[in-house]
């Protein structure tokens, strides 16, 4: 990362990501997935000329460099020049989410949905924000809508399963995690949560198998530590 020390925005102290606001899964992992999926909705033939799009590009680069305050500044300028583009609000909402600012993230994702109500990624992203605000009914509604709009969206099933798990609805959680794994068998965190569901249902053998598969797929360090702890509790050496 080669951020210029002469940039007054970059000289500001970057806000600390509030990991404590997450019920599960590191912010950085969830955030990178959100950002990648949101960016995937940029049409391949979209004209990237013009001041607003230039600021969007600069904001994306700043985000990837970890310069979150700078990214917000660029997205602010893009919105001021073009307040009717849903993607810009979604990208800025993702940065707010990464910074732990759930209120502003919620505002931006809601605006992106108002402007583009058929975009399933925006509902999934807002659902994640609601989940981290412990507003489970709203989170469930958004994940449901994301799945309605895109029935093979594995990540929405994963997050809906997390809502069901937090609500104690283990059979619904298991069904969604099975579907998520069918659609994306290489996503470590689905195995982590399915293992937790199996453990809650008393199926130790299946729980161990899923926890071991999660570790095989190399989750982030925080989740790896949790899963190794689950295995030790079940009498298995990771």
C-alpha atoms as a PDB file:
ATOM      1  CA  UNK A   1       0.000   0.000   0.000  1.00  0.00           C
ATOM      2  CA  UNK A   2       1.513   3.301  -1.101  1.00  0.00           C
ATOM      3  CA  UNK A   3      -0.791   5.954   0.313  1.00  0.00           C
ATOM      4  CA  UNK A   4       0.570   9.477  -0.074  1.00  0.00           C
ATOM      5  CA  UNK A   5       1.454  11.168   3.196  1.00  0.00           C
ATOM      6  CA  UNK A   6       0.563  14.489   1.617  1.00  0.00           C
ATOM      7  CA  UNK A   7      -3.105  13.536   1.290  1.00  0.00           C
ATOM      8  CA  UNK A   8      -4.963  15.417   4.060  1.00  0.00           C
ATOM      9  CA  UNK A   9      -7.743  12.836   4.128  1.00  0.00           C
ATOM     10  CA  UNK A  10      -5.287   9.991   4.550  1.00  0.00           C
ATOM     11  CA  UNK A  11      -3.534  11.802   7.396  1.00  0.00           C
ATOM     12  CA  UNK A  12      -6.673  11.428   9.490  1.00  0.00           C
ATOM     13  CA  UNK A  13      -6.584   8.544  11.943  1.00  0.00           C
ATOM     14  CA  UNK A  14      -8.517   5.594  10.527  1.00  0.00           C
ATOM     15  CA  UNK A  15     -11.487   4.545  12.684  1.00  0.00           C
ATOM     16  CA  UNK A  16     -11.074   1.258  14.491  1.00  0.00           C
ATOM     17  CA  UNK A  17     -13.264  -1.557  13.196  1.00  0.00           C
ATOM     18  CA  UNK A  18     -15.617  -2.545  16.016  1.00  0.00           C
ATOM     19  CA  UNK A  19     -15.384  -6.330  15.917  1.00  0.00           C
ATOM     20  CA  UNK A  20     -17.476  -6.523  19.083  1.00  0.00           C
ATOM     21  CA  UNK A  21     -20.583  -5.614  17.117  1.00  0.00           C
ATOM     22  CA  UNK A  22     -20.489  -8.898  15.224  1.00  0.00           C
ATOM     23  CA  UNK A  23     -22.458 -11.849  16.524  1.00  0.00           C
ATOM     24  CA  UNK A  24     -20.182 -14.130  14.526  1.00  0.00           C
ATOM     25  CA  UNK A  25     -17.560 -14.039  11.753  1.00  0.00           C
ATOM     26  CA  UNK A  26     -14.850 -11.440  11.455  1.00  0.00           C
ATOM     27  CA  UNK A  27     -15.820  -8.086   9.971  1.00  0.00           C
ATOM     28  CA  UNK A  28     -13.070  -8.220   7.401  1.00  0.00           C
ATOM     29  CA  UNK A  29     -14.256 -11.529   5.953  1.00  0.00           C
ATOM     30  CA  UNK A  30     -17.907 -10.539   5.728  1.00  0.00           C
ATOM     31  CA  UNK A  31     -17.035  -7.113   4.430  1.00  0.00           C
ATOM     32  CA  UNK A  32     -14.789  -8.372   1.657  1.00  0.00           C
ATOM     33  CA  UNK A  33     -17.561 -10.695   0.491  1.00  0.00           C
ATOM     34  CA  UNK A  34     -20.124  -7.914   0.528  1.00  0.00           C
ATOM     35  CA  UNK A  35     -17.822  -5.590  -1.405  1.00  0.00           C
ATOM     36  CA  UNK A  36     -16.902  -8.197  -3.987  1.00  0.00           C
ATOM     37  CA  UNK A  37     -20.546  -9.081  -4.606  1.00  0.00           C
ATOM     38  CA  UNK A  38     -21.655  -5.466  -4.772  1.00  0.00           C
ATOM     39  CA  UNK A  39     -18.865  -4.647  -7.216  1.00  0.00           C
ATOM     40  CA  UNK A  40     -19.913  -7.633  -9.339  1.00  0.00           C
ATOM     41  CA  UNK A  41     -23.088  -5.722 -10.138  1.00  0.00           C
ATOM     42  CA  UNK A  42     -21.249  -3.029 -12.081  1.00  0.00           C
ATOM     43  CA  UNK A  43     -22.419  -3.657 -15.665  1.00  0.00           C
ATOM     44  CA  UNK A  44     -19.541  -4.689 -17.896  1.00  0.00           C
ATOM     45  CA  UNK A  45     -20.482  -2.138 -20.514  1.00  0.00           C
ATOM     46  CA  UNK A  46     -21.032   0.764 -18.109  1.00  0.00           C
ATOM     47  CA  UNK A  47     -19.457   4.054 -19.109  1.00  0.00           C
ATOM     48  CA  UNK A  48     -16.820   4.761 -16.498  1.00  0.00           C
ATOM     49  CA  UNK A  49     -16.117   8.249 -17.758  1.00  0.00           C
ATOM     50  CA  UNK A  50     -17.288  11.321 -15.892  1.00  0.00           C
ATOM     51  CA  UNK A  51     -16.427  12.797 -12.546  1.00  0.00           C
ATOM     52  CA  UNK A  52     -18.817  10.695 -10.425  1.00  0.00           C
ATOM     53  CA  UNK A  53     -17.511   7.390 -11.757  1.00  0.00           C
ATOM     54  CA  UNK A  54     -13.944   8.549 -11.331  1.00  0.00           C
ATOM     55  CA  UNK A  55     -14.628   9.229  -7.655  1.00  0.00           C
ATOM     56  CA  UNK A  56     -16.264   5.795  -7.360  1.00  0.00           C
ATOM     57  CA  UNK A  57     -13.126   4.178  -8.786  1.00  0.00           C
ATOM     58  CA  UNK A  58     -10.938   6.146  -6.392  1.00  0.00           C
ATOM     59  CA  UNK A  59     -13.189   5.174  -3.496  1.00  0.00           C
ATOM     60  CA  UNK A  60     -12.962   1.500  -4.385  1.00  0.00           C
ATOM     61  CA  UNK A  61      -9.183   1.673  -4.545  1.00  0.00           C
ATOM     62  CA  UNK A  62      -9.027   3.441  -1.192  1.00  0.00           C
ATOM     63  CA  UNK A  63     -11.261   0.768   0.317  1.00  0.00           C
ATOM     64  CA  UNK A  64      -9.055  -2.043  -0.941  1.00  0.00           C
ATOM     65  CA  UNK A  65      -6.052  -0.200   0.484  1.00  0.00           C
ATOM     66  CA  UNK A  66      -7.740  -0.047   3.894  1.00  0.00           C
ATOM     67  CA  UNK A  67      -8.071   3.759   3.737  1.00  0.00           C
ATOM     68  CA  UNK A  68     -11.677   3.869   4.858  1.00  0.00           C
ATOM     69  CA  UNK A  69     -12.034   7.569   5.659  1.00  0.00           C
ATOM     70  CA  UNK A  70     -10.556   8.395   2.285  1.00  0.00           C
ATOM     71  CA  UNK A  71     -12.945   5.979   0.588  1.00  0.00           C
ATOM     72  CA  UNK A  72     -15.924   7.638   2.305  1.00  0.00           C
ATOM     73  CA  UNK A  73     -14.712  11.036   1.120  1.00  0.00           C
ATOM     74  CA  UNK A  74     -14.537   9.846  -2.493  1.00  0.00           C
ATOM     75  CA  UNK A  75     -17.961   8.200  -2.344  1.00  0.00           C
ATOM     76  CA  UNK A  76     -19.403  11.366  -0.783  1.00  0.00           C
ATOM     77  CA  UNK A  77     -18.154  13.339  -3.765  1.00  0.00           C
ATOM     78  CA  UNK A  78     -19.567  10.771  -6.188  1.00  0.00           C
ATOM     79  CA  UNK A  79     -22.985  10.977  -4.503  1.00  0.00           C
ATOM     80  CA  UNK A  80     -22.955  14.775  -4.608  1.00  0.00           C
ATOM     81  CA  UNK A  81     -22.323  14.653  -8.363  1.00  0.00           C
ATOM     82  CA  UNK A  82     -24.740  11.810  -9.098  1.00  0.00           C
ATOM     83  CA  UNK A  83     -27.271  11.166  -6.309  1.00  0.00           C
ATOM     84  CA  UNK A  84     -29.334   8.665  -8.328  1.00  0.00           C
ATOM     85  CA  UNK A  85     -26.879   5.763  -8.707  1.00  0.00           C
ATOM     86  CA  UNK A  86     -27.678   2.882  -6.353  1.00  0.00           C
ATOM     87  CA  UNK A  87     -24.244   1.297  -6.600  1.00  0.00           C
ATOM     88  CA  UNK A  88     -22.476   4.306  -5.067  1.00  0.00           C
ATOM     89  CA  UNK A  89     -24.657   4.189  -1.954  1.00  0.00           C
ATOM     90  CA  UNK A  90     -24.101   0.425  -1.677  1.00  0.00           C
ATOM     91  CA  UNK A  91     -20.336   0.813  -1.916  1.00  0.00           C
ATOM     92  CA  UNK A  92     -20.315   3.589   0.669  1.00  0.00           C
ATOM     93  CA  UNK A  93     -22.589   1.487   2.863  1.00  0.00           C
ATOM     94  CA  UNK A  94     -20.074  -1.326   2.688  1.00  0.00           C
ATOM     95  CA  UNK A  95     -17.303   0.985   3.875  1.00  0.00           C
ATOM     96  CA  UNK A  96     -19.450   2.158   6.773  1.00  0.00           C
ATOM     97  CA  UNK A  97     -20.144  -1.492   7.604  1.00  0.00           C
ATOM     98  CA  UNK A  98     -16.445  -2.295   7.616  1.00  0.00           C
ATOM     99  CA  UNK A  99     -15.849   0.663   9.950  1.00  0.00           C
ATOM    100  CA  UNK A 100     -18.550  -0.613  12.304  1.00  0.00           C
ATOM    101  CA  UNK A 101     -20.935   2.275  11.574  1.00  0.00           C
ATOM    102  CA  UNK A 102     -24.150   0.284  11.250  1.00  0.00           C
ATOM    103  CA  UNK A 103     -26.500   3.275  11.265  1.00  0.00           C
ATOM    104  CA  UNK A 104     -24.909   4.935   8.245  1.00  0.00           C
ATOM    105  CA  UNK A 105     -24.495   1.563   6.520  1.00  0.00           C
ATOM    106  CA  UNK A 106     -28.208   0.912   6.995  1.00  0.00           C
ATOM    107  CA  UNK A 107     -29.099   4.327   5.564  1.00  0.00           C
ATOM    108  CA  UNK A 108     -26.962   3.776   2.465  1.00  0.00           C
ATOM    109  CA  UNK A 109     -28.134   0.239   1.740  1.00  0.00           C
ATOM    110  CA  UNK A 110     -31.739   1.338   2.179  1.00  0.00           C
ATOM    111  CA  UNK A 111     -31.160   4.131  -0.331  1.00  0.00           C
ATOM    112  CA  UNK A 112     -29.572   1.713  -2.788  1.00  0.00           C
ATOM    113  CA  UNK A 113     -32.653  -0.514  -2.512  1.00  0.00           C
ATOM    114  CA  UNK A 114     -34.978   2.461  -3.066  1.00  0.00           C
ATOM    115  CA  UNK A 115     -33.104   3.261  -6.275  1.00  0.00           C
ATOM    116  CA  UNK A 116     -32.718  -0.345  -7.454  1.00  0.00           C
ATOM    117  CA  UNK A 117     -35.355  -2.522  -5.746  1.00  0.00           C
ATOM    118  CA  UNK A 118     -34.646  -5.644  -7.818  1.00  0.00           C
ATOM    119  CA  UNK A 119     -30.992  -5.996  -6.835  1.00  0.00           C
ATOM    120  CA  UNK A 120     -30.754  -9.038  -4.580  1.00  0.00           C
ATOM    121  CA  UNK A 121     -27.233  -8.227  -3.376  1.00  0.00           C
ATOM    122  CA  UNK A 122     -28.430  -4.995  -1.779  1.00  0.00           C
ATOM    123  CA  UNK A 123     -31.074  -6.850   0.234  1.00  0.00           C
ATOM    124  CA  UNK A 124     -28.483  -9.382   1.385  1.00  0.00           C
ATOM    125  CA  UNK A 125     -26.124  -6.560   2.387  1.00  0.00           C
ATOM    126  CA  UNK A 126     -28.806  -4.676   4.325  1.00  0.00           C
ATOM    127  CA  UNK A 127     -29.835  -7.951   5.939  1.00  0.00           C
ATOM    128  CA  UNK A 128     -26.289  -8.387   7.248  1.00  0.00           C
ATOM    129  CA  UNK A 129     -26.434  -4.914   8.758  1.00  0.00           C
ATOM    130  CA  UNK A 130     -29.766  -5.689  10.426  1.00  0.00           C
ATOM    131  CA  UNK A 131     -28.278  -8.945  11.718  1.00  0.00           C
ATOM    132  CA  UNK A 132     -25.415  -7.101  13.328  1.00  0.00           C
ATOM    133  CA  UNK A 133     -27.893  -4.656  14.864  1.00  0.00           C
ATOM    134  CA  UNK A 134     -29.746  -7.683  16.327  1.00  0.00           C
ATOM    135  CA  UNK A 135     -32.860  -6.762  14.306  1.00  0.00           C
ATOM    136  CA  UNK A 136     -33.536 -10.360  13.342  1.00  0.00           C
ATOM    137  CA  UNK A 137     -37.028  -9.881  11.900  1.00  0.00           C
ATOM    138  CA  UNK A 138     -35.775  -7.229   9.498  1.00  0.00           C
ATOM    139  CA  UNK A 139     -32.715  -9.310   8.660  1.00  0.00           C
ATOM    140  CA  UNK A 140     -34.898 -12.321   7.897  1.00  0.00           C
ATOM    141  CA  UNK A 141     -37.171 -10.252   5.662  1.00  0.00           C
ATOM    142  CA  UNK A 142     -34.206  -8.991   3.642  1.00  0.00           C
ATOM    143  CA  UNK A 143     -32.620 -12.432   3.252  1.00  0.00           C
ATOM    144  CA  UNK A 144     -35.999 -13.801   2.182  1.00  0.00           C
ATOM    145  CA  UNK A 145     -36.269 -11.081  -0.448  1.00  0.00           C
ATOM    146  CA  UNK A 146     -32.735 -11.730  -1.682  1.00  0.00           C
ATOM    147  CA  UNK A 147     -33.578 -15.424  -2.111  1.00  0.00           C
ATOM    148  CA  UNK A 148     -36.864 -14.603  -3.818  1.00  0.00           C
ATOM    149  CA  UNK A 149     -35.011 -12.457  -6.332  1.00  0.00           C
ATOM    150  CA  UNK A 150     -32.124 -14.931  -6.742  1.00  0.00           C
ATOM    151  CA  UNK A 151     -33.011 -18.478  -5.597  1.00  0.00           C
ATOM    152  CA  UNK A 152     -29.466 -19.817  -6.072  1.00  0.00           C
ATOM    153  CA  UNK A 153     -27.768 -17.130  -3.949  1.00  0.00           C
ATOM    154  CA  UNK A 154     -25.742 -19.312  -1.560  1.00  0.00           C
ATOM    155  CA  UNK A 155     -24.614 -16.467   0.671  1.00  0.00           C
ATOM    156  CA  UNK A 156     -28.190 -15.402   1.407  1.00  0.00           C
ATOM    157  CA  UNK A 157     -29.049 -18.932   2.569  1.00  0.00           C
ATOM    158  CA  UNK A 158     -25.984 -18.890   4.811  1.00  0.00           C
ATOM    159  CA  UNK A 159     -26.995 -15.621   6.439  1.00  0.00           C
ATOM    160  CA  UNK A 160     -30.632 -16.638   6.779  1.00  0.00           C
ATOM    161  CA  UNK A 161     -29.433 -19.798   8.504  1.00  0.00           C
ATOM    162  CA  UNK A 162     -27.549 -17.618  10.978  1.00  0.00           C
ATOM    163  CA  UNK A 163     -30.788 -15.785  11.783  1.00  0.00           C
ATOM    164  CA  UNK A 164     -32.568 -19.098  12.316  1.00  0.00           C
ATOM    165  CA  UNK A 165     -29.698 -20.315  14.505  1.00  0.00           C
ATOM    166  CA  UNK A 166     -29.811 -17.199  16.678  1.00  0.00           C
ATOM    167  CA  UNK A 167     -33.582 -17.676  16.976  1.00  0.00           C
ATOM    168  CA  UNK A 168     -33.207 -21.328  18.007  1.00  0.00           C
ATOM    169  CA  UNK A 169     -34.844 -22.637  14.837  1.00  0.00           C
ATOM    170  CA  UNK A 170     -32.294 -25.374  14.197  1.00  0.00           C
ATOM    171  CA  UNK A 171     -34.184 -27.381  11.574  1.00  0.00           C
ATOM    172  CA  UNK A 172     -34.684 -24.305   9.395  1.00  0.00           C
ATOM    173  CA  UNK A 173     -31.032 -23.358   9.912  1.00  0.00           C
ATOM    174  CA  UNK A 174     -29.916 -26.841   8.894  1.00  0.00           C
ATOM    175  CA  UNK A 175     -32.039 -26.788   5.734  1.00  0.00           C
ATOM    176  CA  UNK A 176     -30.579 -23.446   4.667  1.00  0.00           C
ATOM    177  CA  UNK A 177     -27.003 -24.485   5.414  1.00  0.00           C
ATOM    178  CA  UNK A 178     -27.473 -27.697   3.430  1.00  0.00           C
ATOM    179  CA  UNK A 179     -28.681 -25.627   0.509  1.00  0.00           C
ATOM    180  CA  UNK A 180     -25.866 -23.101   0.909  1.00  0.00           C
ATOM    181  CA  UNK A 181     -23.276 -25.899   0.843  1.00  0.00           C
ATOM    182  CA  UNK A 182     -24.937 -27.465  -2.197  1.00  0.00           C
ATOM    183  CA  UNK A 183     -24.606 -24.183  -4.036  1.00  0.00           C
ATOM    184  CA  UNK A 184     -21.117 -23.311  -2.742  1.00  0.00           C
ATOM    185  CA  UNK A 185     -19.313 -26.323  -1.260  1.00  0.00           C
ATOM    186  CA  UNK A 186     -16.056 -24.412  -0.721  1.00  0.00           C
ATOM    187  CA  UNK A 187     -17.364 -21.834   1.759  1.00  0.00           C
ATOM    188  CA  UNK A 188     -15.785 -22.711   5.120  1.00  0.00           C
ATOM    189  CA  UNK A 189     -18.197 -20.700   7.240  1.00  0.00           C
ATOM    190  CA  UNK A 190     -21.239 -22.694   6.147  1.00  0.00           C
ATOM    191  CA  UNK A 191     -19.582 -25.820   7.554  1.00  0.00           C
ATOM    192  CA  UNK A 192     -18.758 -23.963  10.755  1.00  0.00           C
ATOM    193  CA  UNK A 193     -22.393 -23.023  11.297  1.00  0.00           C
ATOM    194  CA  UNK A 194     -23.771 -26.384  10.197  1.00  0.00           C
ATOM    195  CA  UNK A 195     -21.420 -28.000  12.692  1.00  0.00           C
ATOM    196  CA  UNK A 196     -22.805 -25.693  15.374  1.00  0.00           C
ATOM    197  CA  UNK A 197     -26.350 -26.666  14.372  1.00  0.00           C
ATOM    198  CA  UNK A 198     -25.543 -30.376  14.477  1.00  0.00           C
ATOM    199  CA  UNK A 199     -23.928 -29.894  17.886  1.00  0.00           C
ATOM    200  CA  UNK A 200     -27.098 -28.175  19.127  1.00  0.00           C
ATOM    201  CA  UNK A 201     -29.182 -31.050  17.723  1.00  0.00           C
ATOM    202  CA  UNK A 202     -26.981 -33.605  19.516  1.00  0.00           C
ATOM    203  CA  UNK A 203     -25.455 -35.074  16.341  1.00  0.00           C
ATOM    204  CA  UNK A 204     -21.829 -35.122  17.483  1.00  0.00           C
ATOM    205  CA  UNK A 205     -20.529 -37.189  14.560  1.00  0.00           C
ATOM    206  CA  UNK A 206     -21.871 -34.798  11.934  1.00  0.00           C
ATOM    207  CA  UNK A 207     -20.745 -31.782  13.964  1.00  0.00           C
ATOM    208  CA  UNK A 208     -17.172 -33.088  14.097  1.00  0.00           C
ATOM    209  CA  UNK A 209     -17.173 -33.805  10.363  1.00  0.00           C
ATOM    210  CA  UNK A 210     -18.326 -30.281   9.553  1.00  0.00           C
ATOM    211  CA  UNK A 211     -15.886 -28.609  11.930  1.00  0.00           C
ATOM    212  CA  UNK A 212     -13.035 -30.595  10.387  1.00  0.00           C
ATOM    213  CA  UNK A 213     -14.177 -29.647   6.885  1.00  0.00           C
ATOM    214  CA  UNK A 214     -14.299 -26.002   7.935  1.00  0.00           C
ATOM    215  CA  UNK A 215     -10.670 -26.188   9.052  1.00  0.00           C
ATOM    216  CA  UNK A 216      -9.686 -27.949   5.830  1.00  0.00           C
ATOM    217  CA  UNK A 217     -11.084 -24.995   3.860  1.00  0.00           C
ATOM    218  CA  UNK A 218      -8.862 -22.540   5.774  1.00  0.00           C
ATOM    219  CA  UNK A 219     -11.164 -20.050   7.502  1.00  0.00           C
ATOM    220  CA  UNK A 220      -9.828 -16.837   9.014  1.00  0.00           C
ATOM    221  CA  UNK A 221      -7.846 -17.080  12.247  1.00  0.00           C
ATOM    222  CA  UNK A 222     -10.721 -16.015  14.509  1.00  0.00           C
ATOM    223  CA  UNK A 223     -13.088 -18.677  13.187  1.00  0.00           C
ATOM    224  CA  UNK A 224     -10.306 -21.286  13.132  1.00  0.00           C
ATOM    225  CA  UNK A 225      -9.714 -20.689  16.832  1.00  0.00           C
ATOM    226  CA  UNK A 226     -13.441 -21.018  17.579  1.00  0.00           C
ATOM    227  CA  UNK A 227     -13.793 -24.221  15.571  1.00  0.00           C
ATOM    228  CA  UNK A 228     -10.718 -25.789  17.148  1.00  0.00           C
ATOM    229  CA  UNK A 229     -12.294 -25.000  20.521  1.00  0.00           C
ATOM    230  CA  UNK A 230     -15.540 -26.724  19.475  1.00  0.00           C
ATOM    231  CA  UNK A 231     -13.592 -29.836  18.448  1.00  0.00           C
ATOM    232  CA  UNK A 232     -11.700 -29.910  21.735  1.00  0.00           C
ATOM    233  CA  UNK A 233     -15.015 -29.680  23.614  1.00  0.00           C
ATOM    234  CA  UNK A 234     -16.165 -32.718  21.622  1.00  0.00           C
ATOM    235  CA  UNK A 235     -13.009 -34.628  22.563  1.00  0.00           C
ATOM    236  CA  UNK A 236     -11.256 -34.293  19.204  1.00  0.00           C
ATOM    237  CA  UNK A 237      -7.771 -32.928  18.688  1.00  0.00           C
ATOM    238  CA  UNK A 238      -7.882 -30.401  15.808  1.00  0.00           C
END
